[in-house]
Amino acid sequence: MEPFRGELVAFCLALFGSLIAWTFRPRVKLIWGRSNNSLHFIPAGEKRVEIYAEKFYLQNTGRKPATTVEFVLSFRPDDISIWQSRQYTEANSPDGSLVITLPFIAPGELVVVDTVYIDKVAANVRSVKCQDALAKMVPFATQRNFGTKLNVAGAILFLLGIAFVIRLLGIALLGS
């Protein structure tokens, strides 16, 4: 075994380096969710028209661009808009589903798909995928954006609170 020790060490280092490179390689991480919707009843003569609007969010949180992203709804809504403006294609599948295909979503990019339904129920999302990955559904929530000063003040108070808890534990455990 002694004559092969150098080769064995080199092989193990190469294997370990390859494992590290594979683990931290850039890859697509596609997530999607829905956050807000609204329902309106508009009077139209003797009856009321029901208008339901829903937003879907698609985001690539990975470090590699997601290519050929497909967003599949169970049927076509009455209106669709995609923000930020971009090229996309719509196609109907044999089972009646609507397939919206986006050429790519860049790393960190957020795409919003607005749908509107008039006098009908909302479509279900059948799938969200790209060439490299299936998307994972996550809960999205709209929230207020606070300024930098308030965020820094909150971080400082958080760190001071942690230091206080550590000090209290030190007093309780060590008695000093």
C-alpha atoms as a PDB file:
ATOM      1  CA  MET A   1       0.000   0.000   0.000  1.00  0.00           C
ATOM      2  CA  GLU A   2       2.949   2.302   0.655  1.00  0.00           C
ATOM      3  CA  PRO A   3       3.910   2.731  -3.025  1.00  0.00           C
ATOM      4  CA  PHE A   4       0.382   3.969  -3.853  1.00  0.00           C
ATOM      5  CA  ARG A   5      -0.003   6.339  -0.907  1.00  0.00           C
ATOM      6  CA  GLY A   6       0.624   9.511  -2.970  1.00  0.00           C
ATOM      7  CA  GLU A   7      -1.824   8.471  -5.683  1.00  0.00           C
ATOM      8  CA  LEU A   8      -4.451   7.526  -3.101  1.00  0.00           C
ATOM      9  CA  VAL A   9      -4.124  10.880  -1.319  1.00  0.00           C
ATOM     10  CA  ALA A  10      -4.340  12.709  -4.669  1.00  0.00           C
ATOM     11  CA  PHE A  11      -7.444  10.712  -5.633  1.00  0.00           C
ATOM     12  CA  CYS A  12      -9.132  11.458  -2.284  1.00  0.00           C
ATOM     13  CA  LEU A  13      -8.331  15.176  -2.568  1.00  0.00           C
ATOM     14  CA  ALA A  14      -9.667  15.272  -6.136  1.00  0.00           C
ATOM     15  CA  LEU A  15     -12.829  13.447  -5.064  1.00  0.00           C
ATOM     16  CA  PHE A  16     -13.312  15.805  -2.103  1.00  0.00           C
ATOM     17  CA  GLY A  17     -12.721  18.872  -4.313  1.00  0.00           C
ATOM     18  CA  SER A  18     -15.197  17.595  -6.897  1.00  0.00           C
ATOM     19  CA  LEU A  19     -17.810  17.029  -4.197  1.00  0.00           C
ATOM     20  CA  ILE A  20     -17.326  20.575  -2.879  1.00  0.00           C
ATOM     21  CA  ALA A  21     -17.532  22.035  -6.424  1.00  0.00           C
ATOM     22  CA  TRP A  22     -20.668  20.003  -7.185  1.00  0.00           C
ATOM     23  CA  THR A  23     -22.335  21.061  -3.925  1.00  0.00           C
ATOM     24  CA  PHE A  24     -21.732  24.783  -4.462  1.00  0.00           C
ATOM     25  CA  ARG A  25     -22.236  24.904  -8.250  1.00  0.00           C
ATOM     26  CA  PRO A  26     -24.560  27.583  -9.648  1.00  0.00           C
ATOM     27  CA  ARG A  27     -28.028  26.148 -10.168  1.00  0.00           C
ATOM     28  CA  VAL A  28     -31.594  27.200 -10.749  1.00  0.00           C
ATOM     29  CA  LYS A  29     -33.849  27.484  -7.727  1.00  0.00           C
ATOM     30  CA  LEU A  30     -37.318  28.373  -8.924  1.00  0.00           C
ATOM     31  CA  ILE A  31     -40.070  29.265  -6.446  1.00  0.00           C
ATOM     32  CA  TRP A  32     -43.649  30.394  -6.979  1.00  0.00           C
ATOM     33  CA  GLY A  33     -46.614  31.455  -4.918  1.00  0.00           C
ATOM     34  CA  ARG A  34     -49.681  33.619  -4.715  1.00  0.00           C
ATOM     35  CA  SER A  35     -50.101  36.498  -2.364  1.00  0.00           C
ATOM     36  CA  ASN A  36     -53.069  38.702  -2.932  1.00  0.00           C
ATOM     37  CA  ASN A  37     -56.338  38.565  -4.745  1.00  0.00           C
ATOM     38  CA  SER A  38     -59.430  40.714  -4.955  1.00  0.00           C
ATOM     39  CA  LEU A  39     -63.105  40.151  -5.661  1.00  0.00           C
ATOM     40  CA  HIS A  40     -65.339  42.901  -7.042  1.00  0.00           C
ATOM     41  CA  PHE A  41     -69.037  42.998  -7.895  1.00  0.00           C
ATOM     42  CA  ILE A  42     -69.852  45.560 -10.580  1.00  0.00           C
ATOM     43  CA  PRO A  43     -73.510  46.440 -11.222  1.00  0.00           C
ATOM     44  CA  ALA A  44     -74.499  45.829 -14.853  1.00  0.00           C
ATOM     45  CA  GLY A  45     -78.178  46.618 -15.287  1.00  0.00           C
ATOM     46  CA  GLU A  46     -80.295  44.141 -13.326  1.00  0.00           C
ATOM     47  CA  LYS A  47     -77.428  41.811 -12.415  1.00  0.00           C
ATOM     48  CA  ARG A  48     -73.947  42.102 -10.917  1.00  0.00           C
ATOM     49  CA  VAL A  49     -70.776  41.078 -12.712  1.00  0.00           C
ATOM     50  CA  GLU A  50     -68.227  39.260 -10.572  1.00  0.00           C
ATOM     51  CA  ILE A  51     -64.601  40.186 -11.258  1.00  0.00           C
ATOM     52  CA  TYR A  52     -61.895  38.175  -9.517  1.00  0.00           C
ATOM     53  CA  ALA A  53     -58.205  39.096  -9.824  1.00  0.00           C
ATOM     54  CA  GLU A  54     -55.251  37.060  -8.576  1.00  0.00           C
ATOM     55  CA  LYS A  55     -51.472  37.558  -8.636  1.00  0.00           C
ATOM     56  CA  PHE A  56     -48.911  34.799  -8.984  1.00  0.00           C
ATOM     57  CA  TYR A  57     -45.220  35.320  -8.262  1.00  0.00           C
ATOM     58  CA  LEU A  58     -42.379  33.436  -9.949  1.00  0.00           C
ATOM     59  CA  GLN A  59     -38.832  33.961  -8.705  1.00  0.00           C
ATOM     60  CA  ASN A  60     -35.455  32.449  -9.469  1.00  0.00           C
ATOM     61  CA  THR A  61     -33.560  32.506  -6.157  1.00  0.00           C
ATOM     62  CA  GLY A  62     -30.669  30.492  -7.581  1.00  0.00           C
ATOM     63  CA  ARG A  63     -27.425  31.663  -9.191  1.00  0.00           C
ATOM     64  CA  LYS A  64     -28.105  30.307 -12.692  1.00  0.00           C
ATOM     65  CA  PRO A  65     -30.720  31.653 -15.161  1.00  0.00           C
ATOM     66  CA  ALA A  66     -33.903  29.578 -15.436  1.00  0.00           C
ATOM     67  CA  THR A  67     -34.582  28.894 -19.122  1.00  0.00           C
ATOM     68  CA  THR A  68     -37.872  27.958 -20.795  1.00  0.00           C
ATOM     69  CA  VAL A  69     -40.016  28.536 -17.710  1.00  0.00           C
ATOM     70  CA  GLU A  70     -43.509  27.031 -18.036  1.00  0.00           C
ATOM     71  CA  PHE A  71     -46.407  28.269 -15.904  1.00  0.00           C
ATOM     72  CA  VAL A  72     -49.458  26.031 -16.424  1.00  0.00           C
ATOM     73  CA  LEU A  73     -53.018  27.019 -15.425  1.00  0.00           C
ATOM     74  CA  SER A  74     -56.000  24.657 -15.558  1.00  0.00           C
ATOM     75  CA  PHE A  75     -57.769  26.948 -18.069  1.00  0.00           C
ATOM     76  CA  ARG A  76     -57.298  30.357 -19.687  1.00  0.00           C
ATOM     77  CA  PRO A  77     -58.285  33.390 -17.573  1.00  0.00           C
ATOM     78  CA  ASP A  78     -60.178  36.260 -19.205  1.00  0.00           C
ATOM     79  CA  ASP A  79     -57.078  38.467 -19.041  1.00  0.00           C
ATOM     80  CA  ILE A  80     -53.392  37.957 -18.247  1.00  0.00           C
ATOM     81  CA  SER A  81     -50.654  40.511 -17.756  1.00  0.00           C
ATOM     82  CA  ILE A  82     -47.020  39.838 -16.922  1.00  0.00           C
ATOM     83  CA  TRP A  83     -44.805  42.306 -15.112  1.00  0.00           C
ATOM     84  CA  GLN A  84     -42.002  43.181 -15.977  1.00  0.00           C
ATOM     85  CA  SER A  85     -42.895  43.435 -19.635  1.00  0.00           C
ATOM     86  CA  ARG A  86     -41.248  40.637 -21.596  1.00  0.00           C
ATOM     87  CA  GLN A  87     -41.779  38.239 -24.445  1.00  0.00           C
ATOM     88  CA  TYR A  88     -43.824  35.147 -23.607  1.00  0.00           C
ATOM     89  CA  THR A  89     -45.934  32.623 -25.457  1.00  0.00           C
ATOM     90  CA  GLU A  90     -49.300  31.118 -24.652  1.00  0.00           C
ATOM     91  CA  ALA A  91     -50.391  27.672 -25.799  1.00  0.00           C
ATOM     92  CA  ASN A  92     -53.332  25.419 -25.028  1.00  0.00           C
ATOM     93  CA  SER A  93     -52.542  21.841 -24.092  1.00  0.00           C
ATOM     94  CA  PRO A  94     -54.774  18.948 -25.254  1.00  0.00           C
ATOM     95  CA  ASP A  95     -56.513  18.828 -21.849  1.00  0.00           C
ATOM     96  CA  GLY A  96     -57.489  22.518 -22.052  1.00  0.00           C
ATOM     97  CA  SER A  97     -54.751  23.858 -19.781  1.00  0.00           C
ATOM     98  CA  LEU A  98     -53.045  27.136 -20.599  1.00  0.00           C
ATOM     99  CA  VAL A  99     -49.245  26.954 -20.818  1.00  0.00           C
ATOM    100  CA  ILE A 100     -47.443  30.295 -20.464  1.00  0.00           C
ATOM    101  CA  THR A 101     -43.793  29.977 -21.496  1.00  0.00           C
ATOM    102  CA  LEU A 102     -41.215  32.574 -20.488  1.00  0.00           C
ATOM    103  CA  PRO A 103     -37.847  32.367 -22.288  1.00  0.00           C
ATOM    104  CA  PHE A 104     -35.868  32.905 -19.062  1.00  0.00           C
ATOM    105  CA  ILE A 105     -35.891  34.305 -15.537  1.00  0.00           C
ATOM    106  CA  ALA A 106     -32.574  35.772 -14.417  1.00  0.00           C
ATOM    107  CA  PRO A 107     -31.076  34.971 -10.979  1.00  0.00           C
ATOM    108  CA  GLY A 108     -32.875  37.006  -8.307  1.00  0.00           C
ATOM    109  CA  GLU A 109     -35.554  38.190 -10.736  1.00  0.00           C
ATOM    110  CA  LEU A 110     -39.224  38.328  -9.715  1.00  0.00           C
ATOM    111  CA  VAL A 111     -41.973  37.925 -12.325  1.00  0.00           C
ATOM    112  CA  VAL A 112     -45.595  38.751 -11.489  1.00  0.00           C
ATOM    113  CA  VAL A 113     -48.440  37.119 -13.438  1.00  0.00           C
ATOM    114  CA  ASP A 114     -51.773  38.941 -12.992  1.00  0.00           C
ATOM    115  CA  THR A 115     -54.930  37.062 -13.910  1.00  0.00           C
ATOM    116  CA  VAL A 116     -58.517  38.310 -14.146  1.00  0.00           C
ATOM    117  CA  TYR A 117     -61.660  36.164 -14.214  1.00  0.00           C
ATOM    118  CA  ILE A 118     -65.097  37.535 -15.097  1.00  0.00           C
ATOM    119  CA  ASP A 119     -68.085  35.549 -13.804  1.00  0.00           C
ATOM    120  CA  LYS A 120     -66.136  32.314 -13.335  1.00  0.00           C
ATOM    121  CA  VAL A 121     -64.016  30.500 -10.794  1.00  0.00           C
ATOM    122  CA  ALA A 122     -60.257  30.935 -10.745  1.00  0.00           C
ATOM    123  CA  ALA A 123     -57.958  28.496 -12.520  1.00  0.00           C
ATOM    124  CA  ASN A 124     -55.678  26.195 -10.565  1.00  0.00           C
ATOM    125  CA  VAL A 125     -51.933  26.178 -11.067  1.00  0.00           C
ATOM    126  CA  ARG A 126     -51.056  22.785 -12.541  1.00  0.00           C
ATOM    127  CA  SER A 127     -47.279  23.157 -12.625  1.00  0.00           C
ATOM    128  CA  VAL A 128     -44.376  25.581 -12.682  1.00  0.00           C
ATOM    129  CA  LYS A 129     -41.113  24.283 -14.097  1.00  0.00           C
ATOM    130  CA  CYS A 130     -38.126  25.094 -16.242  1.00  0.00           C
ATOM    131  CA  GLN A 131     -35.566  23.018 -18.132  1.00  0.00           C
ATOM    132  CA  ASP A 132     -33.372  22.544 -15.057  1.00  0.00           C
ATOM    133  CA  ALA A 133     -35.786  22.323 -12.130  1.00  0.00           C
ATOM    134  CA  LEU A 134     -39.311  22.023 -10.829  1.00  0.00           C
ATOM    135  CA  ALA A 135     -40.556  25.059  -8.943  1.00  0.00           C
ATOM    136  CA  LYS A 136     -41.385  24.868  -5.267  1.00  0.00           C
ATOM    137  CA  MET A 137     -44.528  26.561  -3.953  1.00  0.00           C
ATOM    138  CA  VAL A 138     -43.811  28.962  -1.115  1.00  0.00           C
ATOM    139  CA  PRO A 139     -46.069  31.429   0.702  1.00  0.00           C
ATOM    140  CA  PHE A 140     -45.576  34.999  -0.514  1.00  0.00           C
ATOM    141  CA  ALA A 141     -46.676  37.927   1.636  1.00  0.00           C
ATOM    142  CA  THR A 142     -46.822  41.567   0.765  1.00  0.00           C
ATOM    143  CA  GLN A 143     -45.158  43.661   3.419  1.00  0.00           C
ATOM    144  CA  ARG A 144     -44.209  47.218   4.102  1.00  0.00           C
ATOM    145  CA  ASN A 145     -40.666  48.250   3.254  1.00  0.00           C
ATOM    146  CA  PHE A 146     -39.066  50.262   6.037  1.00  0.00           C
ATOM    147  CA  GLY A 147     -36.178  52.655   5.475  1.00  0.00           C
ATOM    148  CA  THR A 148     -32.509  51.878   6.057  1.00  0.00           C
ATOM    149  CA  LYS A 149     -32.354  53.845   9.330  1.00  0.00           C
ATOM    150  CA  LEU A 150     -35.166  51.817  10.910  1.00  0.00           C
ATOM    151  CA  ASN A 151     -33.674  48.515   9.676  1.00  0.00           C
ATOM    152  CA  VAL A 152     -30.245  49.408  11.134  1.00  0.00           C
ATOM    153  CA  ALA A 153     -31.829  50.480  14.449  1.00  0.00           C
ATOM    154  CA  GLY A 154     -33.753  47.180  14.597  1.00  0.00           C
ATOM    155  CA  ALA A 155     -30.585  45.173  13.918  1.00  0.00           C
ATOM    156  CA  ILE A 156     -28.684  47.030  16.658  1.00  0.00           C
ATOM    157  CA  LEU A 157     -31.487  46.456  19.179  1.00  0.00           C
ATOM    158  CA  PHE A 158     -31.598  42.784  18.182  1.00  0.00           C
ATOM    159  CA  LEU A 159     -27.848  42.369  18.754  1.00  0.00           C
ATOM    160  CA  LEU A 160     -28.032  44.228  22.087  1.00  0.00           C
ATOM    161  CA  GLY A 161     -30.858  41.903  23.146  1.00  0.00           C
ATOM    162  CA  ILE A 162     -28.779  38.834  22.293  1.00  0.00           C
ATOM    163  CA  ALA A 163     -25.825  40.250  24.255  1.00  0.00           C
ATOM    164  CA  PHE A 164     -28.127  40.891  27.229  1.00  0.00           C
ATOM    165  CA  VAL A 165     -29.456  37.308  27.171  1.00  0.00           C
ATOM    166  CA  ILE A 166     -25.906  35.923  26.959  1.00  0.00           C
ATOM    167  CA  ARG A 167     -24.880  38.097  29.917  1.00  0.00           C
ATOM    168  CA  LEU A 168     -27.889  36.921  31.948  1.00  0.00           C
ATOM    169  CA  LEU A 169     -27.070  33.278  31.181  1.00  0.00           C
ATOM    170  CA  GLY A 170     -23.464  33.901  32.214  1.00  0.00           C
ATOM    171  CA  ILE A 171     -24.590  35.386  35.542  1.00  0.00           C
ATOM    172  CA  ALA A 172     -27.041  32.542  36.160  1.00  0.00           C
ATOM    173  CA  LEU A 173     -24.584  29.775  35.278  1.00  0.00           C
ATOM    174  CA  LEU A 174     -21.341  31.181  36.618  1.00  0.00           C
ATOM    175  CA  GLY A 175     -22.692  33.392  39.372  1.00  0.00           C
ATOM    176  CA  SER A 176     -20.552  36.362  38.452  1.00  0.00           C
END
